[in-house]
Amino acid sequence: MMIWGKNVRLVSKVEEGQLRIEGTQEELKDYLSQISDENLSEEDVDWKFIILDYSQELTAIGTLIRRDLSDAVIRQIQLNQEPSPEDKEELEAFYARTLERIEKAAATLMSREPRLAEEFIREKERINIESRRSRKTRLEKPLSVQTASSNVVDMMNCLRRINSQLTSLAYAIVRDSTRSGKTPVHSPEIEMEEAWLAEDGVHKKQIGQ
């Protein structure tokens, strides 16, 4: 990662990558626009737009990395202050998990398997829950510790947002399969949200005892 090598020049590599993503997305839009919907089934038309929408999400992710994530990394480098071992471990784990999720998103795109998409959504909700817990734990620490970790928090929040945008593909696959009657309607994100609220309520009750 750029942060551990303290190499601000790597930001230019990020910008080059963003330009390639944007160029590929434009080429994809041009290619798909040449495919007439008249020659496609309803399912294929839906799939065409799923691919197009996902390419736009990847472009948005590239912008997020170039703008917000890179800025947070640069601020941390300029501070010339090593993150705490706890912060470093958590950030590296979240980064590795995000890379894994990118690979899973590609697999989900290729398979178009609703069950795989549903699991991808559930995993995203687990990540959101873990992020809330981490943020809550940090807010309970002294203000000086919170300030020292602020850039790390910003970086982890960027990674969380990347994970959320990756999941748009899975939502589209589930919606498409539900509309075509291939799978029952599920609400994994609502289930996970309810589980979080229930657990949080138990935690608050224990604190009050």
N, C-alpha and C. Protein backbone atom coordinates (compact mmCIF):
# COMPACT_ATOMS: atom_id res chain seq x y z
N MET A 1 0.83 -1.20 0.00
CA MET A 1 0.00 0.00 0.00
C MET A 1 0.87 1.25 0.00
N MET A 2 0.39 2.29 -0.62
CA MET A 2 1.12 3.56 -0.72
C MET A 2 1.47 4.11 0.65
N ILE A 3 0.58 3.94 1.64
CA ILE A 3 0.78 4.56 2.94
C ILE A 3 2.01 4.00 3.65
N TRP A 4 2.23 2.67 3.54
CA TRP A 4 3.35 2.08 4.29
C TRP A 4 4.68 2.43 3.63
N GLY A 5 4.69 2.59 2.31
CA GLY A 5 5.92 2.98 1.63
C GLY A 5 6.17 4.47 1.67
N LYS A 6 5.18 5.22 2.15
CA LYS A 6 5.26 6.69 2.24
C LYS A 6 5.69 7.30 0.91
N ASN A 7 5.09 6.80 -0.16
CA ASN A 7 5.46 7.26 -1.51
C ASN A 7 4.29 8.01 -2.12
N VAL A 8 4.29 9.33 -1.98
CA VAL A 8 3.20 10.15 -2.49
C VAL A 8 3.14 10.09 -4.01
N ARG A 9 4.27 9.84 -4.66
CA ARG A 9 4.31 9.80 -6.14
C ARG A 9 3.41 8.71 -6.71
N LEU A 10 3.07 7.71 -5.90
CA LEU A 10 2.21 6.65 -6.38
C LEU A 10 0.80 7.14 -6.69
N VAL A 11 0.46 8.34 -6.20
CA VAL A 11 -0.85 8.90 -6.52
C VAL A 11 -1.01 9.06 -8.03
N SER A 12 0.07 9.38 -8.72
CA SER A 12 -0.01 9.51 -10.18
C SER A 12 -0.41 8.19 -10.83
N LYS A 13 0.03 7.08 -10.24
CA LYS A 13 -0.37 5.77 -10.74
C LYS A 13 -1.87 5.56 -10.57
N VAL A 14 -2.39 6.05 -9.45
CA VAL A 14 -3.83 5.96 -9.21
C VAL A 14 -4.59 6.75 -10.27
N GLU A 15 -4.10 7.94 -10.58
CA GLU A 15 -4.75 8.78 -11.59
C GLU A 15 -4.70 8.13 -12.96
N GLU A 16 -3.57 7.50 -13.30
CA GLU A 16 -3.47 6.80 -14.58
C GLU A 16 -4.47 5.66 -14.65
N GLY A 17 -4.60 4.94 -13.54
CA GLY A 17 -5.56 3.84 -13.50
C GLY A 17 -6.98 4.34 -13.67
N GLN A 18 -7.30 5.46 -13.05
CA GLN A 18 -8.64 6.04 -13.19
C GLN A 18 -8.93 6.41 -14.63
N LEU A 19 -7.96 6.97 -15.33
CA LEU A 19 -8.15 7.33 -16.73
C LEU A 19 -8.40 6.09 -17.59
N ARG A 20 -7.71 5.00 -17.28
CA ARG A 20 -7.93 3.76 -18.04
C ARG A 20 -9.33 3.22 -17.79
N ILE A 21 -9.77 3.30 -16.54
CA ILE A 21 -11.12 2.83 -16.21
C ILE A 21 -12.16 3.64 -16.97
N GLU A 22 -12.01 4.96 -16.96
CA GLU A 22 -12.96 5.82 -17.65
C GLU A 22 -12.96 5.54 -19.15
N GLY A 23 -11.76 5.32 -19.72
CA GLY A 23 -11.68 5.02 -21.15
C GLY A 23 -12.36 3.70 -21.49
N THR A 24 -12.15 2.69 -20.64
CA THR A 24 -12.78 1.38 -20.87
C THR A 24 -14.29 1.48 -20.76
N GLN A 25 -14.76 2.28 -19.78
CA GLN A 25 -16.20 2.43 -19.60
C GLN A 25 -16.85 3.10 -20.81
N GLU A 26 -16.17 4.08 -21.39
CA GLU A 26 -16.68 4.75 -22.58
C GLU A 26 -16.72 3.78 -23.76
N GLU A 27 -15.70 2.96 -23.89
CA GLU A 27 -15.68 1.96 -24.97
C GLU A 27 -16.80 0.95 -24.80
N LEU A 28 -17.05 0.56 -23.55
CA LEU A 28 -18.13 -0.39 -23.28
C LEU A 28 -19.48 0.22 -23.62
N LYS A 29 -19.70 1.48 -23.22
CA LYS A 29 -20.95 2.17 -23.54
C LYS A 29 -21.15 2.23 -25.05
N ASP A 30 -20.09 2.54 -25.77
CA ASP A 30 -20.18 2.62 -27.23
C ASP A 30 -20.52 1.26 -27.83
N TYR A 31 -19.90 0.21 -27.31
CA TYR A 31 -20.15 -1.14 -27.82
C TYR A 31 -21.59 -1.57 -27.56
N LEU A 32 -22.06 -1.37 -26.32
CA LEU A 32 -23.42 -1.79 -25.97
C LEU A 32 -24.47 -0.98 -26.72
N SER A 33 -24.18 0.28 -27.03
CA SER A 33 -25.14 1.11 -27.76
C SER A 33 -25.35 0.61 -29.18
N GLN A 34 -24.41 -0.15 -29.69
CA GLN A 34 -24.51 -0.67 -31.05
C GLN A 34 -25.31 -1.97 -31.12
N ILE A 35 -25.64 -2.52 -29.95
CA ILE A 35 -26.43 -3.76 -29.90
C ILE A 35 -27.90 -3.38 -29.77
N SER A 36 -28.67 -3.66 -30.80
CA SER A 36 -30.08 -3.29 -30.81
C SER A 36 -30.88 -4.17 -29.86
N ASP A 37 -31.75 -3.53 -29.07
CA ASP A 37 -32.59 -4.28 -28.15
C ASP A 37 -33.58 -5.17 -28.88
N GLU A 38 -33.87 -4.84 -30.13
CA GLU A 38 -34.83 -5.62 -30.91
C GLU A 38 -34.34 -7.06 -31.13
N ASN A 39 -33.04 -7.23 -31.11
CA ASN A 39 -32.47 -8.56 -31.35
C ASN A 39 -32.19 -9.32 -30.06
N LEU A 40 -32.62 -8.77 -28.94
CA LEU A 40 -32.34 -9.38 -27.65
C LEU A 40 -33.62 -9.80 -26.94
N SER A 41 -33.51 -10.83 -26.13
CA SER A 41 -34.62 -11.19 -25.27
C SER A 41 -34.73 -10.18 -24.14
N GLU A 42 -35.84 -10.21 -23.42
CA GLU A 42 -36.02 -9.29 -22.30
C GLU A 42 -34.93 -9.50 -21.25
N GLU A 43 -34.57 -10.76 -21.03
CA GLU A 43 -33.51 -11.09 -20.07
C GLU A 43 -32.17 -10.51 -20.51
N ASP A 44 -31.88 -10.62 -21.81
CA ASP A 44 -30.62 -10.09 -22.33
C ASP A 44 -30.58 -8.57 -22.26
N VAL A 45 -31.72 -7.93 -22.47
CA VAL A 45 -31.77 -6.46 -22.35
C VAL A 45 -31.46 -6.05 -20.92
N ASP A 46 -32.08 -6.77 -19.96
CA ASP A 46 -31.80 -6.48 -18.55
C ASP A 46 -30.32 -6.67 -18.25
N TRP A 47 -29.75 -7.73 -18.79
CA TRP A 47 -28.35 -8.02 -18.53
C TRP A 47 -27.44 -6.95 -19.15
N LYS A 48 -27.83 -6.47 -20.28
CA LYS A 48 -27.07 -5.40 -20.94
C LYS A 48 -26.98 -4.18 -20.03
N PHE A 49 -28.09 -3.83 -19.40
CA PHE A 49 -28.08 -2.65 -18.54
C PHE A 49 -27.40 -2.92 -17.20
N ILE A 50 -27.44 -4.17 -16.74
CA ILE A 50 -26.71 -4.52 -15.53
C ILE A 50 -25.21 -4.31 -15.75
N ILE A 51 -24.72 -4.75 -16.89
CA ILE A 51 -23.30 -4.58 -17.22
C ILE A 51 -22.96 -3.10 -17.32
N LEU A 52 -23.81 -2.35 -17.98
CA LEU A 52 -23.55 -0.92 -18.13
C LEU A 52 -23.55 -0.20 -16.78
N ASP A 53 -24.54 -0.53 -15.95
CA ASP A 53 -24.61 0.10 -14.62
C ASP A 53 -23.39 -0.26 -13.78
N TYR A 54 -22.96 -1.52 -13.87
CA TYR A 54 -21.81 -1.94 -13.08
C TYR A 54 -20.54 -1.23 -13.53
N SER A 55 -20.40 -1.02 -14.83
CA SER A 55 -19.22 -0.30 -15.33
C SER A 55 -19.20 1.13 -14.78
N GLN A 56 -20.38 1.71 -14.64
CA GLN A 56 -20.47 3.06 -14.06
C GLN A 56 -20.09 3.05 -12.58
N GLU A 57 -20.46 1.98 -11.88
CA GLU A 57 -20.07 1.86 -10.48
C GLU A 57 -18.55 1.74 -10.34
N LEU A 58 -17.94 0.99 -11.25
CA LEU A 58 -16.48 0.86 -11.21
C LEU A 58 -15.80 2.20 -11.45
N THR A 59 -16.37 3.00 -12.34
CA THR A 59 -15.83 4.34 -12.57
C THR A 59 -15.97 5.19 -11.31
N ALA A 60 -17.11 5.08 -10.65
CA ALA A 60 -17.32 5.83 -9.40
C ALA A 60 -16.35 5.37 -8.32
N ILE A 61 -16.07 4.07 -8.28
CA ILE A 61 -15.10 3.55 -7.32
C ILE A 61 -13.71 4.12 -7.61
N GLY A 62 -13.36 4.18 -8.90
CA GLY A 62 -12.07 4.75 -9.28
C GLY A 62 -11.95 6.20 -8.83
N THR A 63 -13.03 6.96 -8.98
CA THR A 63 -13.04 8.35 -8.53
C THR A 63 -12.89 8.44 -7.02
N LEU A 64 -13.54 7.55 -6.30
CA LEU A 64 -13.45 7.51 -4.85
C LEU A 64 -12.02 7.23 -4.39
N ILE A 65 -11.38 6.29 -5.08
CA ILE A 65 -9.99 5.95 -4.73
C ILE A 65 -9.06 7.12 -5.03
N ARG A 66 -9.24 7.72 -6.21
CA ARG A 66 -8.35 8.81 -6.61
C ARG A 66 -8.52 10.04 -5.73
N ARG A 67 -9.76 10.31 -5.33
CA ARG A 67 -10.04 11.55 -4.61
C ARG A 67 -9.95 11.35 -3.10
N ASP A 68 -10.87 10.62 -2.53
CA ASP A 68 -10.98 10.55 -1.07
C ASP A 68 -9.91 9.65 -0.43
N LEU A 69 -9.75 8.44 -0.97
CA LEU A 69 -8.81 7.51 -0.36
C LEU A 69 -7.37 8.01 -0.50
N SER A 70 -7.01 8.47 -1.68
CA SER A 70 -5.65 8.99 -1.88
C SER A 70 -5.38 10.21 -1.00
N ASP A 71 -6.38 11.09 -0.86
CA ASP A 71 -6.21 12.27 -0.01
C ASP A 71 -5.95 11.88 1.44
N ALA A 72 -6.70 10.89 1.93
CA ALA A 72 -6.52 10.44 3.31
C ALA A 72 -5.13 9.83 3.51
N VAL A 73 -4.68 9.08 2.51
CA VAL A 73 -3.35 8.48 2.59
C VAL A 73 -2.27 9.56 2.60
N ILE A 74 -2.41 10.55 1.72
CA ILE A 74 -1.43 11.64 1.65
C ILE A 74 -1.37 12.40 2.97
N ARG A 75 -2.53 12.65 3.56
CA ARG A 75 -2.54 13.35 4.85
C ARG A 75 -1.80 12.56 5.92
N GLN A 76 -1.99 11.24 5.90
CA GLN A 76 -1.31 10.39 6.88
C GLN A 76 0.20 10.41 6.66
N ILE A 77 0.62 10.37 5.40
CA ILE A 77 2.05 10.40 5.09
C ILE A 77 2.66 11.73 5.52
N GLN A 78 1.95 12.81 5.25
CA GLN A 78 2.47 14.14 5.58
C GLN A 78 2.58 14.35 7.09
N LEU A 79 1.76 13.65 7.85
CA LEU A 79 1.87 13.75 9.30
C LEU A 79 3.17 13.14 9.82
N ASN A 80 3.73 12.23 8.98
CA ASN A 80 4.97 11.52 9.35
C ASN A 80 4.81 10.83 10.70
N GLN A 81 3.65 10.21 10.85
CA GLN A 81 3.31 9.55 12.11
C GLN A 81 2.77 8.15 11.80
N GLU A 82 3.40 7.15 12.35
CA GLU A 82 2.97 5.78 12.13
C GLU A 82 1.63 5.52 12.82
N PRO A 83 0.70 4.87 12.12
CA PRO A 83 -0.55 4.49 12.80
C PRO A 83 -0.24 3.50 13.92
N SER A 84 -1.12 3.42 14.87
CA SER A 84 -0.94 2.46 15.96
C SER A 84 -0.97 1.04 15.38
N PRO A 85 -0.33 0.07 16.05
CA PRO A 85 -0.39 -1.32 15.56
C PRO A 85 -1.83 -1.81 15.36
N GLU A 86 -2.72 -1.39 16.25
CA GLU A 86 -4.13 -1.79 16.14
C GLU A 86 -4.76 -1.20 14.87
N ASP A 87 -4.52 0.09 14.63
CA ASP A 87 -5.07 0.74 13.43
C ASP A 87 -4.50 0.10 12.17
N LYS A 88 -3.19 -0.14 12.18
CA LYS A 88 -2.55 -0.72 11.00
C LYS A 88 -3.09 -2.11 10.69
N GLU A 89 -3.26 -2.92 11.72
CA GLU A 89 -3.78 -4.27 11.53
C GLU A 89 -5.20 -4.24 10.97
N GLU A 90 -6.03 -3.37 11.54
CA GLU A 90 -7.42 -3.29 11.09
C GLU A 90 -7.52 -2.77 9.66
N LEU A 91 -6.70 -1.77 9.33
CA LEU A 91 -6.73 -1.21 7.98
C LEU A 91 -6.24 -2.22 6.95
N GLU A 92 -5.17 -2.94 7.26
CA GLU A 92 -4.65 -3.94 6.33
C GLU A 92 -5.65 -5.06 6.11
N ALA A 93 -6.34 -5.47 7.17
CA ALA A 93 -7.34 -6.54 7.04
C ALA A 93 -8.51 -6.08 6.17
N PHE A 94 -8.94 -4.83 6.36
CA PHE A 94 -10.05 -4.29 5.58
C PHE A 94 -9.65 -4.14 4.11
N TYR A 95 -8.41 -3.72 3.89
CA TYR A 95 -7.90 -3.57 2.53
C TYR A 95 -7.86 -4.92 1.82
N ALA A 96 -7.33 -5.95 2.50
CA ALA A 96 -7.27 -7.29 1.92
C ALA A 96 -8.67 -7.83 1.62
N ARG A 97 -9.59 -7.55 2.51
CA ARG A 97 -10.97 -8.01 2.32
C ARG A 97 -11.62 -7.31 1.12
N THR A 98 -11.29 -6.03 0.93
CA THR A 98 -11.83 -5.30 -0.21
C THR A 98 -11.31 -5.87 -1.53
N LEU A 99 -10.02 -6.20 -1.57
CA LEU A 99 -9.45 -6.83 -2.77
C LEU A 99 -10.14 -8.16 -3.06
N GLU A 100 -10.40 -8.91 -2.01
CA GLU A 100 -11.10 -10.19 -2.17
C GLU A 100 -12.52 -9.98 -2.70
N ARG A 101 -13.16 -8.92 -2.21
CA ARG A 101 -14.53 -8.62 -2.66
C ARG A 101 -14.55 -8.23 -4.14
N ILE A 102 -13.52 -7.54 -4.60
CA ILE A 102 -13.45 -7.18 -6.02
C ILE A 102 -13.40 -8.44 -6.87
N GLU A 103 -12.62 -9.44 -6.44
CA GLU A 103 -12.55 -10.70 -7.16
C GLU A 103 -13.89 -11.43 -7.12
N LYS A 104 -14.55 -11.41 -5.97
CA LYS A 104 -15.86 -12.05 -5.85
C LYS A 104 -16.90 -11.37 -6.72
N ALA A 105 -16.80 -10.04 -6.83
CA ALA A 105 -17.74 -9.31 -7.69
C ALA A 105 -17.59 -9.76 -9.14
N ALA A 106 -16.35 -9.94 -9.58
CA ALA A 106 -16.11 -10.40 -10.95
C ALA A 106 -16.69 -11.80 -11.16
N ALA A 107 -16.52 -12.67 -10.15
CA ALA A 107 -17.08 -14.02 -10.23
C ALA A 107 -18.60 -13.99 -10.26
N THR A 108 -19.19 -13.11 -9.47
CA THR A 108 -20.65 -12.96 -9.45
C THR A 108 -21.16 -12.46 -10.79
N LEU A 109 -20.44 -11.53 -11.39
CA LEU A 109 -20.81 -11.00 -12.69
C LEU A 109 -20.80 -12.10 -13.74
N MET A 110 -19.77 -12.94 -13.73
CA MET A 110 -19.65 -13.99 -14.73
C MET A 110 -20.68 -15.09 -14.54
N SER A 111 -21.00 -15.41 -13.28
CA SER A 111 -21.92 -16.53 -13.02
C SER A 111 -23.39 -16.14 -13.14
N ARG A 112 -23.69 -14.88 -12.77
CA ARG A 112 -25.09 -14.40 -12.74
C ARG A 112 -25.94 -15.29 -11.85
N GLU A 113 -25.32 -15.88 -10.84
CA GLU A 113 -25.99 -16.81 -9.94
C GLU A 113 -26.63 -16.05 -8.79
N PRO A 114 -27.97 -16.11 -8.66
CA PRO A 114 -28.67 -15.35 -7.62
C PRO A 114 -28.20 -15.68 -6.20
N ARG A 115 -27.95 -16.95 -5.92
CA ARG A 115 -27.54 -17.32 -4.57
C ARG A 115 -26.17 -16.73 -4.24
N LEU A 116 -25.29 -16.72 -5.21
CA LEU A 116 -23.98 -16.11 -5.01
C LEU A 116 -24.13 -14.61 -4.79
N ALA A 117 -25.05 -14.00 -5.52
CA ALA A 117 -25.30 -12.56 -5.36
C ALA A 117 -25.87 -12.26 -3.98
N GLU A 118 -26.77 -13.12 -3.50
CA GLU A 118 -27.35 -12.90 -2.17
C GLU A 118 -26.30 -13.00 -1.08
N GLU A 119 -25.39 -13.95 -1.23
CA GLU A 119 -24.32 -14.08 -0.25
C GLU A 119 -23.40 -12.86 -0.29
N PHE A 120 -23.19 -12.32 -1.48
CA PHE A 120 -22.36 -11.12 -1.63
C PHE A 120 -23.00 -9.95 -0.88
N ILE A 121 -24.34 -9.86 -0.96
CA ILE A 121 -25.06 -8.80 -0.25
C ILE A 121 -24.96 -9.01 1.26
N ARG A 122 -25.12 -10.25 1.71
CA ARG A 122 -25.01 -10.53 3.14
C ARG A 122 -23.63 -10.16 3.68
N GLU A 123 -22.61 -10.46 2.89
CA GLU A 123 -21.25 -10.14 3.31
C GLU A 123 -21.07 -8.62 3.41
N LYS A 124 -21.66 -7.89 2.48
CA LYS A 124 -21.59 -6.43 2.54
C LYS A 124 -22.22 -5.92 3.83
N GLU A 125 -23.35 -6.51 4.23
CA GLU A 125 -24.00 -6.08 5.45
C GLU A 125 -23.18 -6.44 6.68
N ARG A 126 -22.49 -7.59 6.64
CA ARG A 126 -21.60 -7.94 7.75
C ARG A 126 -20.47 -6.91 7.86
N ILE A 127 -19.96 -6.48 6.72
CA ILE A 127 -18.90 -5.47 6.71
C ILE A 127 -19.42 -4.16 7.32
N ASN A 128 -20.65 -3.78 6.97
CA ASN A 128 -21.23 -2.55 7.51
C ASN A 128 -21.38 -2.64 9.03
N ILE A 129 -21.81 -3.80 9.50
CA ILE A 129 -21.97 -4.00 10.94
C ILE A 129 -20.63 -3.90 11.65
N GLU A 130 -19.62 -4.55 11.08
CA GLU A 130 -18.28 -4.50 11.67
C GLU A 130 -17.73 -3.06 11.67
N SER A 131 -18.04 -2.32 10.60
CA SER A 131 -17.58 -0.92 10.52
C SER A 131 -18.25 -0.08 11.61
N ARG A 132 -19.54 -0.32 11.85
CA ARG A 132 -20.24 0.41 12.91
C ARG A 132 -19.63 0.10 14.27
N ARG A 133 -19.34 -1.18 14.49
CA ARG A 133 -18.74 -1.56 15.77
C ARG A 133 -17.38 -0.88 15.95
N SER A 134 -16.59 -0.89 14.88
CA SER A 134 -15.27 -0.26 14.95
C SER A 134 -15.38 1.23 15.24
N ARG A 135 -16.31 1.89 14.55
CA ARG A 135 -16.50 3.33 14.76
C ARG A 135 -16.98 3.61 16.20
N LYS A 136 -17.88 2.77 16.67
CA LYS A 136 -18.40 2.94 18.03
C LYS A 136 -17.29 2.76 19.06
N THR A 137 -16.43 1.75 18.84
CA THR A 137 -15.32 1.51 19.76
C THR A 137 -14.37 2.69 19.79
N ARG A 138 -14.12 3.27 18.63
CA ARG A 138 -13.21 4.42 18.55
C ARG A 138 -13.79 5.64 19.26
N LEU A 139 -15.09 5.84 19.13
CA LEU A 139 -15.73 6.99 19.77
C LEU A 139 -15.70 6.91 21.29
N GLU A 140 -15.50 5.71 21.81
CA GLU A 140 -15.44 5.52 23.25
C GLU A 140 -14.04 5.77 23.80
N LYS A 141 -13.06 5.99 22.90
CA LYS A 141 -11.68 6.23 23.32
C LYS A 141 -11.46 7.72 23.58
N PRO A 142 -10.37 8.07 24.27
CA PRO A 142 -10.07 9.49 24.52
C PRO A 142 -9.96 10.27 23.22
N LEU A 143 -10.27 11.55 23.27
CA LEU A 143 -10.28 12.39 22.08
C LEU A 143 -8.92 12.42 21.39
N SER A 144 -7.83 12.40 22.17
CA SER A 144 -6.49 12.43 21.57
C SER A 144 -6.25 11.21 20.70
N VAL A 145 -6.75 10.05 21.12
CA VAL A 145 -6.61 8.81 20.35
C VAL A 145 -7.47 8.88 19.09
N GLN A 146 -8.68 9.42 19.24
CA GLN A 146 -9.56 9.57 18.08
C GLN A 146 -8.92 10.45 17.02
N THR A 147 -8.29 11.55 17.44
CA THR A 147 -7.66 12.48 16.49
C THR A 147 -6.51 11.82 15.77
N ALA A 148 -5.69 11.05 16.49
CA ALA A 148 -4.55 10.37 15.88
C ALA A 148 -5.01 9.34 14.86
N SER A 149 -6.21 8.79 15.04
CA SER A 149 -6.71 7.75 14.14
C SER A 149 -7.62 8.28 13.04
N SER A 150 -7.80 9.60 12.98
CA SER A 150 -8.82 10.17 12.09
C SER A 150 -8.58 9.82 10.62
N ASN A 151 -7.33 9.87 10.16
CA ASN A 151 -7.06 9.54 8.76
C ASN A 151 -7.29 8.06 8.48
N VAL A 152 -6.95 7.21 9.46
CA VAL A 152 -7.21 5.78 9.31
C VAL A 152 -8.71 5.53 9.21
N VAL A 153 -9.48 6.24 10.02
CA VAL A 153 -10.94 6.13 9.97
C VAL A 153 -11.45 6.54 8.58
N ASP A 154 -10.90 7.64 8.04
CA ASP A 154 -11.30 8.09 6.71
C ASP A 154 -10.99 7.03 5.65
N MET A 155 -9.83 6.40 5.76
CA MET A 155 -9.45 5.37 4.79
C MET A 155 -10.38 4.17 4.88
N MET A 156 -10.69 3.75 6.09
CA MET A 156 -11.58 2.61 6.26
C MET A 156 -12.99 2.92 5.78
N ASN A 157 -13.40 4.17 5.97
CA ASN A 157 -14.72 4.57 5.48
C ASN A 157 -14.76 4.53 3.95
N CYS A 158 -13.66 4.93 3.31
CA CYS A 158 -13.58 4.84 1.85
C CYS A 158 -13.68 3.39 1.39
N LEU A 159 -12.99 2.50 2.09
CA LEU A 159 -13.05 1.08 1.73
C LEU A 159 -14.45 0.53 1.92
N ARG A 160 -15.12 0.97 2.98
CA ARG A 160 -16.50 0.54 3.21
C ARG A 160 -17.40 1.00 2.06
N ARG A 161 -17.22 2.24 1.61
CA ARG A 161 -18.03 2.77 0.51
C ARG A 161 -17.74 2.02 -0.79
N ILE A 162 -16.49 1.64 -0.99
CA ILE A 162 -16.14 0.84 -2.17
C ILE A 162 -16.89 -0.49 -2.13
N ASN A 163 -16.91 -1.13 -0.95
CA ASN A 163 -17.62 -2.39 -0.80
C ASN A 163 -19.11 -2.23 -1.08
N SER A 164 -19.67 -1.12 -0.65
CA SER A 164 -21.10 -0.88 -0.90
C SER A 164 -21.38 -0.72 -2.39
N GLN A 165 -20.51 0.01 -3.08
CA GLN A 165 -20.74 0.22 -4.52
C GLN A 165 -20.52 -1.06 -5.31
N LEU A 166 -19.61 -1.89 -4.88
CA LEU A 166 -19.42 -3.18 -5.54
C LEU A 166 -20.69 -4.02 -5.48
N THR A 167 -21.46 -3.83 -4.41
CA THR A 167 -22.63 -4.68 -4.18
C THR A 167 -23.80 -4.32 -5.08
N SER A 168 -23.74 -3.19 -5.77
CA SER A 168 -24.83 -2.82 -6.67
C SER A 168 -25.09 -3.90 -7.71
N LEU A 169 -24.02 -4.55 -8.15
CA LEU A 169 -24.14 -5.64 -9.12
C LEU A 169 -24.98 -6.78 -8.55
N ALA A 170 -24.70 -7.16 -7.31
CA ALA A 170 -25.43 -8.26 -6.68
C ALA A 170 -26.90 -7.93 -6.52
N TYR A 171 -27.19 -6.68 -6.10
CA TYR A 171 -28.60 -6.27 -5.98
C TYR A 171 -29.30 -6.39 -7.34
N ALA A 172 -28.62 -5.97 -8.41
CA ALA A 172 -29.22 -6.02 -9.74
C ALA A 172 -29.50 -7.46 -10.16
N ILE A 173 -28.59 -8.37 -9.87
CA ILE A 173 -28.78 -9.78 -10.22
C ILE A 173 -29.95 -10.38 -9.46
N VAL A 174 -30.05 -10.06 -8.16
CA VAL A 174 -31.16 -10.58 -7.36
C VAL A 174 -32.49 -10.02 -7.85
N ARG A 175 -32.51 -8.71 -8.13
CA ARG A 175 -33.76 -8.12 -8.65
C ARG A 175 -34.15 -8.74 -9.98
N ASP A 176 -33.18 -8.96 -10.85
CA ASP A 176 -33.45 -9.52 -12.17
C ASP A 176 -33.99 -10.94 -12.05
N SER A 177 -33.39 -11.74 -11.17
CA SER A 177 -33.83 -13.12 -11.00
C SER A 177 -35.19 -13.20 -10.34
N THR A 178 -35.47 -12.28 -9.41
CA THR A 178 -36.78 -12.24 -8.76
C THR A 178 -37.86 -11.87 -9.75
N ARG A 179 -37.56 -10.88 -10.60
CA ARG A 179 -38.52 -10.43 -11.60
C ARG A 179 -38.84 -11.54 -12.60
N SER A 180 -37.85 -12.38 -12.89
CA SER A 180 -38.07 -13.46 -13.86
C SER A 180 -38.61 -14.72 -13.20
N GLY A 181 -38.80 -14.67 -11.86
CA GLY A 181 -39.38 -15.80 -11.15
C GLY A 181 -38.42 -16.94 -10.88
N LYS A 182 -37.12 -16.67 -10.94
CA LYS A 182 -36.14 -17.73 -10.73
C LYS A 182 -35.84 -17.99 -9.27
N THR A 183 -36.11 -17.01 -8.42
CA THR A 183 -35.77 -17.16 -7.01
C THR A 183 -36.74 -16.36 -6.17
N PRO A 184 -37.04 -16.80 -4.93
CA PRO A 184 -37.94 -16.04 -4.07
C PRO A 184 -37.31 -14.73 -3.64
N VAL A 185 -38.15 -13.80 -3.23
CA VAL A 185 -37.67 -12.50 -2.79
C VAL A 185 -37.03 -12.65 -1.41
N HIS A 186 -35.82 -12.13 -1.27
CA HIS A 186 -35.13 -12.12 0.01
C HIS A 186 -34.79 -10.68 0.37
N SER A 187 -34.63 -10.43 1.64
CA SER A 187 -34.22 -9.09 2.09
C SER A 187 -33.03 -9.23 3.03
N PRO A 188 -31.89 -9.71 2.52
CA PRO A 188 -30.74 -9.95 3.39
C PRO A 188 -30.27 -8.71 4.11
N GLU A 189 -30.31 -7.55 3.47
CA GLU A 189 -29.81 -6.36 4.14
C GLU A 189 -30.72 -5.96 5.29
N ILE A 190 -32.04 -6.20 5.15
CA ILE A 190 -32.97 -5.90 6.23
C ILE A 190 -32.75 -6.88 7.38
N GLU A 191 -32.51 -8.17 7.05
CA GLU A 191 -32.26 -9.16 8.07
C GLU A 191 -31.02 -8.80 8.88
N MET A 192 -29.96 -8.40 8.20
CA MET A 192 -28.73 -8.05 8.89
C MET A 192 -28.91 -6.78 9.72
N GLU A 193 -29.68 -5.84 9.20
CA GLU A 193 -29.93 -4.60 9.94
C GLU A 193 -30.70 -4.89 11.22
N GLU A 194 -31.69 -5.78 11.13
CA GLU A 194 -32.46 -6.14 12.31
C GLU A 194 -31.58 -6.84 13.33
N ALA A 195 -30.67 -7.69 12.84
CA ALA A 195 -29.76 -8.40 13.75
C ALA A 195 -28.86 -7.41 14.47
N TRP A 196 -28.39 -6.39 13.74
CA TRP A 196 -27.54 -5.36 14.35
C TRP A 196 -28.30 -4.59 15.42
N LEU A 197 -29.54 -4.20 15.11
CA LEU A 197 -30.33 -3.42 16.06
C LEU A 197 -30.63 -4.23 17.31
N ALA A 198 -30.93 -5.53 17.11
CA ALA A 198 -31.21 -6.38 18.26
C ALA A 198 -29.98 -6.53 19.14
N GLU A 199 -28.83 -6.75 18.51
CA GLU A 199 -27.59 -6.91 19.27
C GLU A 199 -27.21 -5.61 19.96
N ASP A 200 -27.40 -4.50 19.29
CA ASP A 200 -27.08 -3.20 19.87
C ASP A 200 -27.98 -2.92 21.07
N GLY A 201 -29.23 -3.34 20.96
CA GLY A 201 -30.15 -3.15 22.08
C GLY A 201 -29.74 -3.94 23.29
N VAL A 202 -29.26 -5.17 23.09
CA VAL A 202 -28.78 -5.99 24.19
C VAL A 202 -27.56 -5.34 24.83
N HIS A 203 -26.67 -4.80 23.97
CA HIS A 203 -25.45 -4.16 24.48
C HIS A 203 -25.80 -2.94 25.35
N LYS A 204 -26.76 -2.13 24.90
CA LYS A 204 -27.16 -0.95 25.66
C LYS A 204 -27.79 -1.36 26.99
N LYS A 205 -28.55 -2.46 26.96
CA LYS A 205 -29.20 -2.91 28.19
C LYS A 205 -28.16 -3.37 29.20
N GLN A 206 -27.10 -4.06 28.70
CA GLN A 206 -26.04 -4.53 29.59
C GLN A 206 -25.29 -3.34 30.21
N ILE A 207 -25.07 -2.29 29.42
CA ILE A 207 -24.38 -1.11 29.93
C ILE A 207 -25.19 -0.44 31.03
N GLY A 208 -26.52 -0.44 30.85
CA GLY A 208 -27.38 0.23 31.81
C GLY A 208 -27.53 -0.52 33.13
N GLN A 209 -27.16 -1.83 33.11
CA GLN A 209 -27.34 -2.64 34.33
C GLN A 209 -26.27 -2.29 35.37
